[in-house]
Amino acid sequence: MIRHRFNIVAKQQPATVERVLRVVRHRGFILQSVNVSSSDKAQVEIELTVSGERPIETLQTQLDKLYDIAHLELISADTAAQAASIRA
């Protein structure tokens, strides 16, 4: 299963995190971890790790379309298969 990590900066709104998680679910990805922090009252930072077999571009495009998102960055992508072959 492929894992991907996003760093997201979004507007601080009551339903921002809910919208992000709904897009993850609708695009068929499994949530591995989520870390949400707020540095000020205007923005929230979300670190999101998801896994799935589908192309990550489908999720990235949809997240970028959310009007709350100010900045979206795909940090890393790794595969459990690659990690297993390195350990073997």
N, C-alpha and C. Protein backbone atom coordinates (compact mmCIF):
# COMPACT_ATOMS: atom_id res chain seq x y z
N MET A 1 0.84 -1.17 0.00
CA MET A 1 0.00 0.00 0.00
C MET A 1 0.89 1.24 0.00
N ILE A 2 0.59 2.19 -0.82
CA ILE A 2 1.39 3.40 -0.95
C ILE A 2 0.93 4.43 0.09
N ARG A 3 1.91 5.05 0.77
CA ARG A 3 1.62 6.09 1.76
C ARG A 3 2.09 7.44 1.22
N HIS A 4 1.29 8.46 1.48
CA HIS A 4 1.59 9.81 1.03
C HIS A 4 1.39 10.77 2.20
N ARG A 5 2.23 11.81 2.25
CA ARG A 5 2.10 12.80 3.31
C ARG A 5 1.95 14.18 2.70
N PHE A 6 0.96 14.92 3.19
CA PHE A 6 0.68 16.28 2.74
C PHE A 6 0.90 17.26 3.88
N ASN A 7 1.41 18.42 3.55
CA ASN A 7 1.39 19.57 4.45
C ASN A 7 0.40 20.55 3.84
N ILE A 8 -0.57 20.96 4.65
CA ILE A 8 -1.64 21.83 4.16
C ILE A 8 -1.72 23.05 5.07
N VAL A 9 -1.83 24.21 4.47
CA VAL A 9 -2.13 25.44 5.21
C VAL A 9 -3.50 25.89 4.71
N ALA A 10 -4.41 26.09 5.65
CA ALA A 10 -5.78 26.43 5.27
C ALA A 10 -6.32 27.55 6.15
N LYS A 11 -7.40 28.15 5.68
CA LYS A 11 -8.09 29.17 6.47
C LYS A 11 -8.70 28.52 7.70
N GLN A 12 -8.67 29.21 8.80
CA GLN A 12 -9.26 28.71 10.04
C GLN A 12 -10.77 28.90 9.97
N GLN A 13 -11.48 27.83 9.64
CA GLN A 13 -12.94 27.82 9.56
C GLN A 13 -13.44 26.62 10.36
N PRO A 14 -14.68 26.69 10.87
CA PRO A 14 -15.19 25.59 11.68
C PRO A 14 -15.19 24.22 10.99
N ALA A 15 -15.38 24.17 9.69
CA ALA A 15 -15.51 22.88 9.01
C ALA A 15 -14.33 22.55 8.09
N THR A 16 -13.22 23.25 8.20
CA THR A 16 -12.09 23.04 7.29
C THR A 16 -11.56 21.61 7.36
N VAL A 17 -11.27 21.14 8.56
CA VAL A 17 -10.71 19.78 8.71
C VAL A 17 -11.72 18.74 8.25
N GLU A 18 -12.98 18.97 8.53
CA GLU A 18 -14.03 18.04 8.09
C GLU A 18 -14.07 17.94 6.57
N ARG A 19 -13.96 19.07 5.88
CA ARG A 19 -13.95 19.06 4.41
C ARG A 19 -12.76 18.28 3.86
N VAL A 20 -11.60 18.49 4.45
CA VAL A 20 -10.40 17.78 4.00
C VAL A 20 -10.58 16.27 4.18
N LEU A 21 -11.06 15.86 5.34
CA LEU A 21 -11.25 14.43 5.61
C LEU A 21 -12.32 13.82 4.71
N ARG A 22 -13.34 14.58 4.40
CA ARG A 22 -14.39 14.08 3.51
C ARG A 22 -13.83 13.82 2.11
N VAL A 23 -12.96 14.71 1.62
CA VAL A 23 -12.35 14.51 0.30
C VAL A 23 -11.47 13.27 0.32
N VAL A 24 -10.73 13.05 1.40
CA VAL A 24 -9.89 11.85 1.53
C VAL A 24 -10.76 10.60 1.42
N ARG A 25 -11.86 10.59 2.12
CA ARG A 25 -12.76 9.43 2.10
C ARG A 25 -13.39 9.23 0.73
N HIS A 26 -13.88 10.30 0.12
CA HIS A 26 -14.55 10.19 -1.18
C HIS A 26 -13.60 9.75 -2.28
N ARG A 27 -12.32 10.05 -2.18
CA ARG A 27 -11.35 9.66 -3.19
C ARG A 27 -10.78 8.27 -2.94
N GLY A 28 -11.23 7.59 -1.90
CA GLY A 28 -10.85 6.20 -1.68
C GLY A 28 -9.53 5.98 -0.97
N PHE A 29 -9.06 6.97 -0.23
CA PHE A 29 -7.82 6.82 0.52
C PHE A 29 -8.11 6.54 1.98
N ILE A 30 -7.17 5.88 2.64
CA ILE A 30 -7.31 5.53 4.06
C ILE A 30 -6.47 6.51 4.86
N LEU A 31 -7.06 7.10 5.86
CA LEU A 31 -6.35 8.05 6.72
C LEU A 31 -5.43 7.28 7.66
N GLN A 32 -4.15 7.60 7.63
CA GLN A 32 -3.17 6.98 8.50
C GLN A 32 -2.91 7.84 9.73
N SER A 33 -2.74 9.14 9.51
CA SER A 33 -2.55 10.06 10.64
C SER A 33 -2.92 11.47 10.21
N VAL A 34 -3.29 12.26 11.19
CA VAL A 34 -3.60 13.66 10.95
C VAL A 34 -3.12 14.46 12.17
N ASN A 35 -2.44 15.56 11.89
CA ASN A 35 -1.97 16.44 12.94
C ASN A 35 -2.41 17.84 12.57
N VAL A 36 -3.16 18.48 13.46
CA VAL A 36 -3.69 19.80 13.18
C VAL A 36 -3.16 20.76 14.24
N SER A 37 -2.63 21.89 13.77
CA SER A 37 -2.17 22.92 14.71
C SER A 37 -2.54 24.29 14.15
N SER A 38 -2.69 25.22 15.05
CA SER A 38 -3.06 26.57 14.66
C SER A 38 -2.04 27.54 15.22
N SER A 39 -1.38 28.27 14.33
CA SER A 39 -0.38 29.24 14.76
C SER A 39 -0.99 30.60 15.03
N ASP A 40 -2.10 30.88 14.37
CA ASP A 40 -2.82 32.12 14.62
C ASP A 40 -4.31 31.88 14.35
N LYS A 41 -5.11 32.91 14.51
CA LYS A 41 -6.56 32.75 14.34
C LYS A 41 -7.00 32.71 12.89
N ALA A 42 -6.09 33.01 11.98
CA ALA A 42 -6.46 33.07 10.56
C ALA A 42 -6.19 31.78 9.81
N GLN A 43 -5.17 31.00 10.26
CA GLN A 43 -4.79 29.80 9.51
C GLN A 43 -4.61 28.59 10.42
N VAL A 44 -4.76 27.44 9.81
CA VAL A 44 -4.53 26.17 10.47
C VAL A 44 -3.58 25.35 9.61
N GLU A 45 -2.67 24.64 10.25
CA GLU A 45 -1.73 23.77 9.53
C GLU A 45 -2.14 22.32 9.76
N ILE A 46 -2.24 21.57 8.68
CA ILE A 46 -2.67 20.17 8.74
C ILE A 46 -1.59 19.31 8.11
N GLU A 47 -1.09 18.35 8.88
CA GLU A 47 -0.19 17.35 8.33
C GLU A 47 -1.00 16.07 8.21
N LEU A 48 -1.11 15.57 7.00
CA LEU A 48 -2.02 14.48 6.69
C LEU A 48 -1.25 13.34 6.04
N THR A 49 -1.39 12.14 6.58
CA THR A 49 -0.79 10.95 5.97
C THR A 49 -1.91 10.01 5.56
N VAL A 50 -1.91 9.62 4.30
CA VAL A 50 -2.94 8.73 3.77
C VAL A 50 -2.27 7.57 3.04
N SER A 51 -3.02 6.52 2.83
CA SER A 51 -2.52 5.41 2.04
C SER A 51 -3.60 4.95 1.08
N GLY A 52 -3.16 4.33 0.00
CA GLY A 52 -4.11 3.84 -0.98
C GLY A 52 -3.40 3.39 -2.24
N GLU A 53 -4.15 2.71 -3.07
CA GLU A 53 -3.62 2.20 -4.33
C GLU A 53 -3.91 3.13 -5.50
N ARG A 54 -4.82 4.07 -5.33
CA ARG A 54 -5.19 4.98 -6.40
C ARG A 54 -4.11 6.03 -6.62
N PRO A 55 -4.07 6.65 -7.79
CA PRO A 55 -3.09 7.71 -8.05
C PRO A 55 -3.30 8.88 -7.10
N ILE A 56 -2.22 9.34 -6.49
CA ILE A 56 -2.31 10.42 -5.50
C ILE A 56 -2.76 11.73 -6.15
N GLU A 57 -2.57 11.87 -7.44
CA GLU A 57 -2.97 13.09 -8.13
C GLU A 57 -4.46 13.35 -8.01
N THR A 58 -5.27 12.26 -7.95
CA THR A 58 -6.72 12.45 -7.81
C THR A 58 -7.05 13.15 -6.49
N LEU A 59 -6.38 12.76 -5.44
CA LEU A 59 -6.60 13.40 -4.14
C LEU A 59 -6.00 14.79 -4.11
N GLN A 60 -4.80 14.94 -4.62
CA GLN A 60 -4.12 16.23 -4.59
C GLN A 60 -4.93 17.29 -5.34
N THR A 61 -5.46 16.95 -6.49
CA THR A 61 -6.25 17.88 -7.29
C THR A 61 -7.51 18.30 -6.55
N GLN A 62 -8.19 17.34 -5.94
CA GLN A 62 -9.43 17.66 -5.24
C GLN A 62 -9.18 18.49 -3.99
N LEU A 63 -8.13 18.18 -3.25
CA LEU A 63 -7.81 18.98 -2.07
C LEU A 63 -7.47 20.41 -2.47
N ASP A 64 -6.74 20.56 -3.56
CA ASP A 64 -6.35 21.89 -4.01
C ASP A 64 -7.55 22.72 -4.44
N LYS A 65 -8.65 22.09 -4.83
CA LYS A 65 -9.86 22.80 -5.24
C LYS A 65 -10.65 23.36 -4.06
N LEU A 66 -10.40 22.86 -2.85
CA LEU A 66 -11.14 23.36 -1.69
C LEU A 66 -10.83 24.83 -1.47
N TYR A 67 -11.85 25.63 -1.28
CA TYR A 67 -11.63 27.08 -1.16
C TYR A 67 -10.94 27.47 0.14
N ASP A 68 -10.92 26.60 1.15
CA ASP A 68 -10.24 26.88 2.40
C ASP A 68 -8.72 26.71 2.31
N ILE A 69 -8.27 25.96 1.32
CA ILE A 69 -6.85 25.61 1.21
C ILE A 69 -6.06 26.79 0.65
N ALA A 70 -5.06 27.25 1.43
CA ALA A 70 -4.18 28.32 0.98
C ALA A 70 -2.91 27.76 0.35
N HIS A 71 -2.43 26.63 0.86
CA HIS A 71 -1.20 26.02 0.35
C HIS A 71 -1.29 24.51 0.55
N LEU A 72 -0.92 23.76 -0.47
CA LEU A 72 -0.95 22.29 -0.42
C LEU A 72 0.38 21.79 -0.97
N GLU A 73 1.03 20.92 -0.19
CA GLU A 73 2.32 20.38 -0.61
C GLU A 73 2.36 18.88 -0.35
N LEU A 74 2.66 18.11 -1.38
CA LEU A 74 2.88 16.68 -1.24
C LEU A 74 4.33 16.49 -0.83
N ILE A 75 4.53 16.00 0.40
CA ILE A 75 5.88 15.90 0.96
C ILE A 75 6.56 14.61 0.54
N SER A 76 5.89 13.49 0.71
CA SER A 76 6.55 12.23 0.43
C SER A 76 5.55 11.17 -0.02
N ALA A 77 6.08 10.20 -0.69
CA ALA A 77 5.32 9.02 -1.08
C ALA A 77 6.25 7.83 -0.94
N ASP A 78 5.81 6.84 -0.20
CA ASP A 78 6.62 5.63 -0.08
C ASP A 78 5.71 4.41 -0.20
N THR A 79 6.29 3.28 -0.47
CA THR A 79 5.51 2.06 -0.59
C THR A 79 5.99 1.06 0.41
N ALA A 80 5.05 0.32 0.95
CA ALA A 80 5.40 -0.75 1.88
C ALA A 80 6.20 -1.83 1.16
N ALA A 81 5.91 -2.01 -0.13
CA ALA A 81 6.64 -3.03 -0.90
C ALA A 81 8.12 -2.65 -1.04
N GLN A 82 8.39 -1.38 -1.29
CA GLN A 82 9.77 -0.94 -1.39
C GLN A 82 10.48 -1.12 -0.07
N ALA A 83 9.82 -0.77 1.02
CA ALA A 83 10.41 -0.90 2.35
C ALA A 83 10.67 -2.38 2.65
N ALA A 84 9.76 -3.27 2.28
CA ALA A 84 9.94 -4.69 2.53
C ALA A 84 11.12 -5.25 1.72
N SER A 85 11.25 -4.80 0.48
CA SER A 85 12.35 -5.32 -0.34
C SER A 85 13.69 -4.82 0.16
N ILE A 86 13.74 -3.64 0.75
CA ILE A 86 15.00 -3.14 1.31
C ILE A 86 15.38 -3.94 2.54
N ARG A 87 14.39 -4.30 3.37
CA ARG A 87 14.66 -5.06 4.59
C ARG A 87 15.04 -6.51 4.30
N ALA A 88 14.58 -7.05 3.19
CA ALA A 88 14.78 -8.47 2.90
C ALA A 88 16.21 -8.81 2.58
